Amino acid sequence: MLNFRMLAVAVPAFAILGGFPGAVAQEDNLRGLDQLDFRRVVKGAKERVFPAVVFIKCLREDMQGGKRQSQEVSGSGVLISADGELLSNWHVVDKATEVRCLLSDGQPYNAKVLGSDKDTDVALLKLERPAGAPPLPFARLGSSTNLTEGDFVMAMGAPYGLSRSVSIGIISCTQRYLPGASEYSSWLQTDASINPGNSGGPLVNTAGEVVGLNTRGMMGGGGDLGFTVPIEVARVVADQIRQHGRMDWSWTGIQLQPLKDFNRSVYFPENEGVVVAETDPESPARRAGLQAGDRIVRINGEAITGMTHEDLPAVRRHLGLLPKGRPSSIEYVRKGDTLKTEFVPRAKGRVEGEEVECPRWDFTVKAINQFDNPDLYFQRNEGVFIYGVKFPGNAAQAGLSQQDIVLKIDGREVKSPADVQTIHSEAIRNVASKHRVIVVLLRNGEQRQVVLDYSRQYDKE
C-alpha cells in the first residue's frame, strides 16, 4: 500500500547540473524555447519567484497525546501580493497559535492566518507589517491547466528548515487521483526534489509562474513521488477566503461513480454525465429524490461529465461551489428517462470536531464529525470520542482507548465537548471528596462501563 506523507517528502532530484543539451531539442517540453540556453531559462524563472519564497515556522497546539502540548513545525509559502498575502498549506498552519515568517531579504514578520481549508490543504496568510511599509516582491500565478507531462518545473521552498532551495524536474502526471487525499482536487505529480519543509512552497514553470503548491510525497517503495496542489484549486480557496473570511464548501450529499470505473470493473455505455453511487442520509440530494444509479448530465444547465476517477474531483468542486440555501436544478437519467429536479445545497460547515483537554483524567476528547470521523458518525451522529490518552495516566490505567465513543460520565449524558468540560471541571473541584467516575462508552459497537480513578496526579510524580 502506498504511504503518502503530508509534509512533502523527499523525491529524487532530476539530474540536470549545468547544461542538458538533450533537453534543448524537446519542443514539447520547452514550448518554443528550444533555441535558448536552457540554463538561462531556468535562471530567469528562478529569479522571478525565488525572492517571494517564504520560510514559515509555527507554534501549534496538539492534543493527540492525551494532553495539550505545544509543537513547533516549519514549512514554506509564497508571496502573491505586494502587501504581504501568501499561500501555504493547511497542514503547515493547522492549529497554529503563532506563525512567524522569514523573507528572502532576512526580514522576519509575524503572520495572520486569514483562512485555511483542510479539504484541499490550502491556506491564505497575511504578513503583519507596519503601515506604509514598502511593497514586497511577489510571484505571479500561472495556470496548471495547460501543463503537459514532460514540462519542466522547479520546486522551491525551505527544506528541513534550511535556507531556500530550488530543484528541477518534470511534470510526471497532470491529473493524479489519490483516493482519500482530497475530495475537490486532483494533483500535479512531479519528480522535482521535494523534501520535508517544502510544504506550501511554489512549483514554478519555465516562465517563472507559480503553477502549484508543494504538498505531499511518498518515500521508498522503489520510487519516490511528489505531489502539488494545482494553482487553480488554490485560487478558488483564496478567493473564497477573501470574500467570506473562510472556505466553506456547499454540501449536497452526492457520492459519485465515474462512467468508466476500472477499479470496480463497472463500465457504463454512455459518454456523458456522472453516476450517483449513493446519497447520504438526510442530505439535500436524498431529499430531492436522487437515487443510486441515476446519471447526472446537467447542473444548472451546465453539462457535467465524470468519465474516470481522475475527473471526479472537478465534478465535486463544481458541486461544492454551488450557492448555499438556493435551489439548483439538476437533470439526470434514470432507466432511460430524462428527469429534472431541484435541490438546495447547504453549508458543509466544520470538517473537524472541537477538541477539549481533561487534565488529571489524562485524556482528550474530540467532537464526532461526519466528514472527519465517518466510521464513528455511523455509530453515533453526535457526541464525542476519546481523541488521545496520556501514558502513563489515569485514563490509560482505567483502560480507556482512542476512538472510544463517550456516552455518559458519572451518570450524565454527553453530547458535546462542552458537556465533558463541565463535568470534568466539577469533578476536579470536588476531587478531595470523590475521585472516581463511571464512564459509559461505545467501543466497536459494544457498550461498556469503565471506572476512572483519578486520585493520582501523574504530572507531579
Protein backbone atom coordinates (compact mmCIF):
# COMPACT_ATOMS: atom_id res chain seq x y z
CA MET A 1 0.00 0.00 0.00
CA LEU A 2 1.30 3.45 -0.91
CA ASN A 3 2.07 5.61 2.11
CA PHE A 4 1.66 9.28 1.21
CA ARG A 5 3.05 11.73 3.74
CA MET A 6 1.71 15.22 4.24
CA LEU A 7 4.96 17.04 4.91
CA ALA A 8 6.15 16.95 1.31
CA VAL A 9 8.63 14.14 1.48
CA ALA A 10 11.86 13.80 -0.42
CA VAL A 11 11.81 12.69 -4.05
CA PRO A 12 14.93 12.23 -6.19
CA ALA A 13 16.20 15.28 -7.98
CA PHE A 14 16.14 15.38 -11.77
CA ALA A 15 19.76 15.11 -12.87
CA ILE A 16 20.38 18.45 -14.52
CA LEU A 17 23.51 20.25 -13.39
CA GLY A 18 24.83 22.87 -15.74
CA GLY A 19 23.53 22.27 -19.29
CA PHE A 20 21.38 19.46 -20.58
CA PRO A 21 21.86 19.54 -24.38
CA GLY A 22 19.26 16.82 -25.00
CA ALA A 23 16.55 18.91 -23.38
CA VAL A 24 17.12 21.88 -25.67
CA ALA A 25 15.67 20.00 -28.60
CA GLN A 26 12.49 18.97 -26.78
CA GLU A 27 9.99 21.40 -28.27
CA ASP A 28 7.05 19.89 -26.42
CA ASN A 29 8.72 20.47 -23.06
CA LEU A 30 10.22 23.89 -23.62
CA ARG A 31 7.36 25.24 -25.77
CA GLY A 32 9.28 27.25 -28.28
CA LEU A 33 12.25 27.99 -26.02
CA ASP A 34 14.44 25.34 -27.66
CA GLN A 35 16.76 27.92 -29.25
CA LEU A 36 17.64 29.44 -25.87
CA ASP A 37 20.26 28.22 -23.46
CA PHE A 38 18.31 26.07 -21.01
CA ARG A 39 20.39 27.34 -18.13
CA ARG A 40 19.26 30.89 -18.86
CA VAL A 41 15.62 29.79 -18.93
CA VAL A 42 15.94 28.11 -15.53
CA LYS A 43 17.84 31.03 -14.04
CA GLY A 44 15.31 33.57 -15.33
CA ALA A 45 12.35 31.62 -13.97
CA LYS A 46 14.04 31.16 -10.62
CA GLU A 47 14.88 34.84 -10.26
CA ARG A 48 11.22 35.80 -10.85
CA VAL A 49 9.92 33.66 -7.97
CA PHE A 50 12.78 32.96 -5.56
CA PRO A 51 12.58 36.36 -3.78
CA ALA A 52 8.92 35.60 -2.97
CA VAL A 53 9.61 32.26 -1.26
CA VAL A 54 8.94 32.42 2.49
CA PHE A 55 10.17 30.23 5.33
CA ILE A 56 7.35 29.62 7.85
CA LYS A 57 7.75 28.49 11.46
CA CYS A 58 4.63 27.77 13.54
CA LEU A 59 3.93 27.04 17.17
CA ARG A 60 0.81 24.94 17.37
CA GLU A 61 -1.22 23.00 19.91
CA ASP A 62 -1.64 19.26 19.68
CA MET A 63 -3.88 17.02 21.82
CA GLN A 64 -3.31 13.61 20.30
CA GLY A 65 -1.03 12.61 23.17
CA GLY A 66 -3.85 12.91 25.71
CA LYS A 67 -2.93 16.41 26.86
CA ARG A 68 -2.40 19.86 25.40
CA GLN A 69 1.12 20.11 24.00
CA SER A 70 2.96 22.80 22.11
CA GLN A 71 4.74 21.69 18.97
CA GLU A 72 6.98 23.59 16.58
CA VAL A 73 6.59 22.86 12.87
CA SER A 74 8.02 24.52 9.80
CA GLY A 75 7.16 24.78 6.15
CA SER A 76 7.20 27.16 3.22
CA GLY A 77 5.00 29.66 1.48
CA VAL A 78 4.99 32.06 -1.46
CA LEU A 79 4.10 35.76 -1.50
CA ILE A 80 1.34 36.55 -4.02
CA SER A 81 0.84 40.27 -3.41
CA ALA A 82 2.97 43.32 -2.67
CA ASP A 83 1.14 43.92 0.62
CA GLY A 84 2.10 40.55 2.10
CA GLU A 85 -0.50 37.96 1.17
CA LEU A 86 0.96 34.48 0.88
CA LEU A 87 -0.17 30.96 0.08
CA SER A 88 0.86 27.87 2.00
CA ASN A 89 -0.59 24.51 3.09
CA TRP A 90 -3.32 23.93 5.65
CA HIS A 91 -1.22 21.28 7.38
CA VAL A 92 1.63 23.78 7.88
CA VAL A 93 -0.52 26.27 9.84
CA ASP A 94 -3.21 23.97 11.27
CA LYS A 95 -3.96 24.80 14.95
CA ALA A 96 -1.14 27.35 14.96
CA THR A 97 -1.06 29.75 17.91
CA GLU A 98 1.84 31.70 16.43
CA VAL A 99 3.07 32.00 12.84
CA ARG A 100 6.46 33.55 12.07
CA CYS A 101 7.78 34.15 8.56
CA LEU A 102 11.27 34.83 7.27
CA LEU A 103 11.56 36.61 3.93
CA SER A 104 14.34 36.25 1.39
CA ASP A 105 15.95 39.53 2.50
CA GLY A 106 16.22 38.29 6.09
CA GLN A 107 13.27 40.31 7.41
CA PRO A 108 11.11 38.44 9.98
CA TYR A 109 7.38 39.05 10.33
CA ASN A 110 4.50 37.52 12.23
CA ALA A 111 1.62 36.41 10.04
CA LYS A 112 -2.11 36.02 10.49
CA VAL A 113 -3.93 33.01 9.03
CA LEU A 114 -6.77 34.59 7.05
CA GLY A 115 -8.29 31.18 6.39
CA SER A 116 -7.44 27.61 5.52
CA ASP A 117 -9.09 24.56 4.01
CA LYS A 118 -8.37 21.03 5.15
CA ASP A 119 -10.15 19.51 2.13
CA THR A 120 -7.65 20.98 -0.35
CA ASP A 121 -4.72 21.58 2.04
CA VAL A 122 -4.53 25.28 1.14
CA ALA A 123 -4.04 28.26 3.49
CA LEU A 124 -4.05 32.01 2.89
CA LEU A 125 -1.95 34.18 5.24
CA LYS A 126 -1.13 37.87 5.58
CA LEU A 127 2.11 39.29 6.97
CA GLU A 128 1.65 41.73 9.86
CA ARG A 129 3.61 44.77 8.69
CA PRO A 130 3.57 48.41 9.80
CA ALA A 131 1.54 50.93 7.84
CA GLY A 132 3.48 52.46 4.99
CA ALA A 133 5.88 49.53 4.68
CA PRO A 134 7.47 49.25 1.22
CA PRO A 135 5.97 46.78 -1.28
CA LEU A 136 7.26 43.23 -1.21
CA PRO A 137 8.42 41.06 -4.10
CA PHE A 138 5.70 38.61 -5.07
CA ALA A 139 5.25 35.79 -7.54
CA ARG A 140 2.86 35.74 -10.46
CA LEU A 141 0.28 32.96 -10.52
CA GLY A 142 0.18 30.96 -13.74
CA SER A 143 -2.09 28.19 -14.96
CA SER A 144 -1.85 24.48 -14.29
CA THR A 145 -4.48 23.56 -16.86
CA ASN A 146 -2.12 23.99 -19.81
CA LEU A 147 0.66 21.86 -18.32
CA THR A 148 1.54 18.61 -20.06
CA GLU A 149 3.56 15.61 -18.99
CA GLY A 150 7.23 16.32 -19.63
CA ASP A 151 7.07 20.07 -18.98
CA PHE A 152 9.98 21.29 -16.89
CA VAL A 153 9.16 22.69 -13.44
CA MET A 154 11.03 23.84 -10.34
CA ALA A 155 10.13 23.13 -6.71
CA MET A 156 11.08 25.90 -4.29
CA GLY A 157 10.96 26.09 -0.52
CA ALA A 158 12.93 25.80 2.71
CA PRO A 159 13.50 22.05 3.19
CA TYR A 160 14.28 20.83 6.72
CA GLY A 161 14.14 24.44 7.93
CA LEU A 162 17.30 25.28 5.98
CA SER A 163 17.91 28.13 3.56
CA ARG A 164 15.76 28.37 0.46
CA SER A 165 16.49 25.91 -2.30
CA VAL A 166 15.35 25.13 -5.81
CA SER A 167 15.22 21.75 -7.55
CA ILE A 168 14.28 20.93 -11.11
CA GLY A 169 12.35 18.13 -12.75
CA ILE A 170 9.37 17.48 -14.97
CA ILE A 171 5.63 17.12 -14.65
CA SER A 172 5.13 13.36 -14.41
CA CYS A 173 1.32 13.48 -14.41
CA THR A 174 -1.03 16.43 -14.75
CA GLN A 175 -4.07 14.79 -13.16
CA ARG A 176 -3.10 12.30 -10.48
CA TYR A 177 -6.01 10.90 -8.46
CA LEU A 178 -5.12 9.98 -4.86
CA PRO A 179 -8.04 8.28 -3.09
CA GLY A 180 -8.80 9.94 0.24
CA ALA A 181 -6.22 12.70 -0.25
CA SER A 182 -8.61 15.44 -1.39
CA GLU A 183 -12.28 15.46 -2.27
CA TYR A 184 -12.04 18.51 -4.53
CA SER A 185 -8.59 18.33 -6.08
CA SER A 186 -6.54 16.07 -8.27
CA TRP A 187 -2.77 16.51 -8.07
CA LEU A 188 0.20 17.52 -10.17
CA GLN A 189 2.83 14.80 -9.88
CA THR A 190 6.47 15.80 -10.29
CA ASP A 191 9.91 14.30 -9.90
CA ALA A 192 11.43 17.65 -8.87
CA SER A 193 13.09 17.06 -5.50
CA ILE A 194 10.66 17.84 -2.64
CA ASN A 195 11.77 17.42 0.96
CA PRO A 196 10.14 17.84 4.40
CA GLY A 197 9.74 21.58 4.91
CA ASN A 198 8.98 22.25 1.23
CA SER A 199 5.27 22.02 2.05
CA GLY A 200 3.48 25.17 0.90
CA GLY A 201 6.32 26.28 -1.36
CA PRO A 202 5.70 27.04 -5.03
CA LEU A 203 6.00 24.75 -8.03
CA VAL A 204 7.17 27.01 -10.85
CA ASN A 205 7.10 26.66 -14.65
CA THR A 206 9.82 27.84 -17.03
CA ALA A 207 8.03 31.18 -17.48
CA GLY A 208 8.55 31.94 -13.78
CA GLU A 209 4.89 31.45 -12.82
CA VAL A 210 3.53 29.53 -9.83
CA VAL A 211 1.56 26.52 -11.09
CA GLY A 212 1.14 24.61 -7.82
CA LEU A 213 1.82 24.35 -4.08
CA ASN A 214 4.19 21.57 -3.00
CA THR A 215 2.22 19.43 -0.54
CA ARG A 216 2.89 15.74 -0.13
CA GLY A 217 5.04 12.86 -1.20
CA MET A 218 5.98 9.25 -0.75
CA MET A 219 9.36 7.88 0.20
CA GLY A 220 10.74 4.44 -0.56
CA GLY A 221 8.89 1.61 -2.24
CA GLY A 222 11.22 1.57 -5.23
CA GLY A 223 10.37 5.06 -6.48
CA ASP A 224 9.79 8.44 -4.84
CA LEU A 225 6.82 10.64 -5.78
CA GLY A 226 5.99 14.29 -5.15
CA PHE A 227 2.59 15.96 -5.43
CA THR A 228 1.42 19.56 -5.56
CA VAL A 229 -1.97 21.28 -5.35
CA PRO A 230 -2.82 22.80 -8.77
CA ILE A 231 -2.80 26.58 -8.60
CA GLU A 232 -6.37 26.74 -9.98
CA VAL A 233 -7.59 24.97 -6.84
CA ALA A 234 -5.53 27.26 -4.57
CA ARG A 235 -7.01 30.27 -6.40
CA VAL A 236 -10.56 29.10 -5.68
CA VAL A 237 -9.82 28.68 -1.97
CA ALA A 238 -8.01 32.02 -1.70
CA ASP A 239 -10.85 33.86 -3.44
CA GLN A 240 -13.46 32.29 -1.13
CA ILE A 241 -11.42 33.24 1.95
CA ARG A 242 -11.09 36.83 0.75
CA GLN A 243 -14.82 37.10 0.05
CA HIS A 244 -16.23 35.21 3.03
CA GLY A 245 -13.41 35.04 5.57
CA ARG A 246 -13.27 31.25 5.29
CA MET A 247 -13.60 28.35 2.89
CA ASP A 248 -16.98 26.70 3.38
CA TRP A 249 -17.93 24.24 0.67
CA SER A 250 -21.54 23.53 -0.21
CA TRP A 251 -22.75 20.05 0.72
CA THR A 252 -25.16 18.03 -1.40
CA GLY A 253 -24.57 14.50 -0.08
CA ILE A 254 -23.97 13.01 -3.54
CA GLN A 255 -21.45 10.16 -3.74
CA LEU A 256 -20.12 9.85 -7.29
CA GLN A 257 -19.01 7.00 -9.52
CA PRO A 258 -17.31 7.50 -12.91
CA LEU A 259 -18.75 6.16 -16.14
CA LYS A 260 -15.67 4.00 -16.64
CA ASP A 261 -14.89 2.56 -13.22
CA PHE A 262 -11.82 0.40 -13.73
CA ASN A 263 -11.38 -0.30 -10.01
CA ARG A 264 -14.80 -1.96 -9.75
CA SER A 265 -14.84 -3.26 -13.34
CA VAL A 266 -18.06 -1.35 -13.96
CA TYR A 267 -18.43 0.36 -17.33
CA PHE A 268 -21.49 2.35 -18.35
CA PRO A 269 -22.09 2.62 -22.13
CA GLU A 270 -22.75 6.37 -22.06
CA ASN A 271 -20.10 9.04 -22.58
CA GLU A 272 -21.87 11.93 -20.87
CA GLY A 273 -22.67 12.60 -17.23
CA VAL A 274 -21.59 11.07 -13.95
CA VAL A 275 -23.24 8.28 -11.95
CA VAL A 276 -24.73 8.65 -8.47
CA ALA A 277 -23.16 5.88 -6.36
CA GLU A 278 -25.19 6.78 -3.25
CA THR A 279 -26.73 9.73 -1.41
CA ASP A 280 -26.04 10.47 2.25
CA PRO A 281 -28.89 10.21 4.78
CA GLU A 282 -30.76 13.48 5.38
CA SER A 283 -28.79 15.13 2.58
CA PRO A 284 -30.17 17.67 0.07
CA ALA A 285 -29.67 15.12 -2.73
CA ARG A 286 -31.67 12.40 -0.98
CA ARG A 287 -34.46 14.82 -0.10
CA ALA A 288 -34.60 15.81 -3.78
CA GLY A 289 -35.19 12.16 -4.73
CA LEU A 290 -31.85 11.28 -6.31
CA GLN A 291 -31.05 7.57 -6.15
CA ALA A 292 -28.08 5.30 -6.65
CA GLY A 293 -27.71 4.55 -10.36
CA ASP A 294 -29.02 7.92 -11.57
CA ARG A 295 -26.78 9.53 -14.17
CA ILE A 296 -26.42 13.30 -13.68
CA VAL A 297 -25.96 15.09 -17.00
CA ARG A 298 -26.52 18.77 -16.17
CA ILE A 299 -26.43 21.04 -13.13
CA ASN A 300 -27.98 24.49 -13.53
CA GLY A 301 -27.94 23.89 -17.28
CA GLU A 302 -24.21 23.13 -17.41
CA ALA A 303 -23.09 19.77 -18.79
CA ILE A 304 -21.28 17.54 -16.27
CA THR A 305 -19.13 14.51 -17.10
CA GLY A 306 -17.03 12.22 -14.94
CA MET A 307 -15.54 9.66 -17.30
CA THR A 308 -12.84 8.30 -14.95
CA HIS A 309 -11.83 8.69 -11.30
CA GLU A 310 -9.46 11.48 -12.36
CA ASP A 311 -12.48 13.57 -13.43
CA LEU A 312 -14.39 13.28 -10.15
CA PRO A 313 -12.55 15.96 -8.10
CA ALA A 314 -13.52 18.64 -10.64
CA VAL A 315 -17.16 17.49 -10.53
CA ARG A 316 -17.13 17.55 -6.71
CA ARG A 317 -15.57 21.01 -6.82
CA HIS A 318 -18.40 22.16 -9.10
CA LEU A 319 -20.95 20.79 -6.62
CA GLY A 320 -19.02 22.30 -3.70
CA LEU A 321 -19.22 25.78 -5.21
CA LEU A 322 -22.98 25.76 -5.82
CA PRO A 323 -24.79 28.61 -3.99
CA LYS A 324 -25.90 27.65 -0.48
CA GLY A 325 -29.51 27.93 0.56
CA ARG A 326 -30.73 28.48 -3.01
CA PRO A 327 -32.30 25.89 -5.32
CA SER A 328 -30.07 24.40 -8.01
CA SER A 329 -31.58 22.49 -10.91
CA ILE A 330 -30.30 19.03 -11.73
CA GLU A 331 -31.02 16.97 -14.84
CA TYR A 332 -30.46 13.23 -14.66
CA VAL A 333 -31.25 10.00 -16.47
CA ARG A 334 -32.99 7.10 -14.72
CA LYS A 335 -33.77 3.89 -16.62
CA GLY A 336 -33.63 5.74 -19.93
CA ASP A 337 -35.90 8.61 -18.87
CA THR A 338 -34.55 12.14 -18.54
CA LEU A 339 -35.83 13.77 -15.35
CA LYS A 340 -35.36 17.12 -13.64
CA THR A 341 -35.49 18.19 -10.02
CA GLU A 342 -34.13 20.83 -7.67
CA PHE A 343 -32.10 20.57 -4.51
CA VAL A 344 -30.88 23.17 -2.04
CA PRO A 345 -27.19 22.73 -1.09
CA ARG A 346 -26.30 23.67 2.46
CA ALA A 347 -23.07 24.80 4.04
CA LYS A 348 -20.76 21.89 4.72
CA GLY A 349 -19.61 23.53 7.92
CA ARG A 350 -16.73 22.30 10.03
CA VAL A 351 -14.89 19.28 8.73
CA GLU A 352 -13.14 18.61 12.02
CA GLY A 353 -14.55 18.47 15.55
CA GLU A 354 -13.66 20.66 18.52
CA GLU A 355 -11.05 19.27 20.91
CA VAL A 356 -11.03 19.52 24.73
CA GLU A 357 -8.37 18.57 27.28
CA CYS A 358 -9.24 16.85 30.55
CA PRO A 359 -6.25 17.27 32.92
CA ARG A 360 -5.87 14.69 35.69
CA TRP A 361 -8.34 12.44 33.89
CA ASP A 362 -5.42 12.27 31.43
CA PHE A 363 -7.29 12.14 28.16
CA THR A 364 -8.57 14.49 25.48
CA VAL A 365 -11.90 14.31 23.67
CA LYS A 366 -13.00 15.44 20.24
CA ALA A 367 -16.43 16.05 18.72
CA ILE A 368 -17.62 13.43 16.24
CA ASN A 369 -17.68 14.93 12.75
CA GLN A 370 -19.32 13.23 9.78
CA PHE A 371 -16.51 14.24 7.42
CA ASP A 372 -13.53 13.68 9.71
CA ASN A 373 -14.80 10.56 11.53
CA PRO A 374 -17.31 8.84 9.22
CA ASP A 375 -16.93 5.44 10.93
CA LEU A 376 -17.75 6.90 14.35
CA TYR A 377 -20.50 9.07 12.86
CA PHE A 378 -22.14 5.92 11.51
CA GLN A 379 -22.38 4.59 15.08
CA ARG A 380 -23.44 7.87 16.66
CA ASN A 381 -24.15 11.07 14.73
CA GLU A 382 -23.44 13.36 17.68
CA GLY A 383 -21.25 13.30 20.73
CA VAL A 384 -17.56 12.94 21.48
CA PHE A 385 -14.86 10.31 21.37
CA ILE A 386 -11.55 9.76 23.15
CA TYR A 387 -9.03 11.58 20.96
CA GLY A 388 -5.85 10.97 22.95
CA VAL A 389 -4.80 9.02 26.05
CA LYS A 390 -1.80 10.10 28.13
CA PHE A 391 0.77 7.45 29.10
CA PRO A 392 1.22 6.95 31.96
CA GLY A 393 -2.06 8.35 33.24
CA ASN A 394 -5.35 7.67 34.95
CA ALA A 395 -7.29 7.11 31.71
CA ALA A 396 -4.74 4.57 30.47
CA GLN A 397 -4.81 2.83 33.85
CA ALA A 398 -8.62 2.58 33.62
CA GLY A 399 -8.43 1.05 30.13
CA LEU A 400 -9.81 3.94 28.09
CA SER A 401 -8.67 3.88 24.46
CA GLN A 402 -8.57 6.18 21.46
CA GLN A 403 -11.75 6.08 19.34
CA ASP A 404 -13.96 5.13 22.32
CA ILE A 405 -17.27 7.00 21.97
CA VAL A 406 -18.23 8.56 25.31
CA LEU A 407 -21.95 8.19 26.14
CA LYS A 408 -22.12 9.15 29.83
CA ILE A 409 -19.79 10.34 32.57
CA ASP A 410 -20.87 9.98 36.19
CA GLY A 411 -24.43 9.25 35.08
CA ARG A 412 -24.71 12.41 32.97
CA GLU A 413 -25.27 12.19 29.22
CA VAL A 414 -22.51 13.56 26.99
CA LYS A 415 -23.39 15.17 23.66
CA SER A 416 -20.62 17.72 23.13
CA PRO A 417 -17.10 18.65 24.25
CA ALA A 418 -18.70 21.38 26.36
CA ASP A 419 -20.60 18.71 28.32
CA VAL A 420 -17.34 16.89 29.05
CA GLN A 421 -15.68 20.13 30.08
CA THR A 422 -18.48 20.96 32.53
CA ILE A 423 -18.50 17.50 34.14
CA HIS A 424 -14.69 17.48 34.32
CA SER A 425 -14.48 20.91 35.97
CA GLU A 426 -16.99 19.92 38.65
CA ALA A 427 -15.21 16.61 39.28
CA ILE A 428 -11.80 18.25 39.72
CA ARG A 429 -13.25 20.83 42.13
CA ASN A 430 -14.59 18.00 44.30
CA VAL A 431 -11.63 15.65 43.99
CA ALA A 432 -10.96 15.78 47.76
CA SER A 433 -14.28 14.09 48.49
CA LYS A 434 -14.68 11.97 45.35
CA HIS A 435 -12.07 10.70 42.91
CA ARG A 436 -13.90 8.11 40.81
CA VAL A 437 -16.43 8.39 37.96
CA ILE A 438 -18.09 5.76 35.82
CA VAL A 439 -17.58 6.31 32.08
CA VAL A 440 -20.12 4.63 29.78
CA LEU A 441 -18.64 4.22 26.34
CA LEU A 442 -19.20 2.60 22.96
CA ARG A 443 -16.28 0.58 21.61
CA ASN A 444 -16.62 -1.17 18.24
CA GLY A 445 -20.39 -1.06 18.60
CA GLU A 446 -20.36 -2.62 22.09
CA GLN A 447 -21.38 -0.62 25.17
CA ARG A 448 -19.06 -0.79 28.19
CA GLN A 449 -18.65 0.77 31.62
CA VAL A 450 -15.24 1.84 32.88
CA VAL A 451 -14.34 3.11 36.35
CA LEU A 452 -11.99 6.06 36.06
CA ASP A 453 -10.00 6.63 39.24
CA TYR A 454 -8.20 9.98 39.11
CA SER A 455 -6.75 10.06 42.63
CA ARG A 456 -3.18 10.06 41.30
CA GLN A 457 -1.50 13.12 39.80
CA TYR A 458 0.90 11.68 37.27
CA ASP A 459 2.19 15.10 36.22
CA LYS A 460 3.54 15.69 39.75
CA GLU A 461 5.00 12.23 40.31
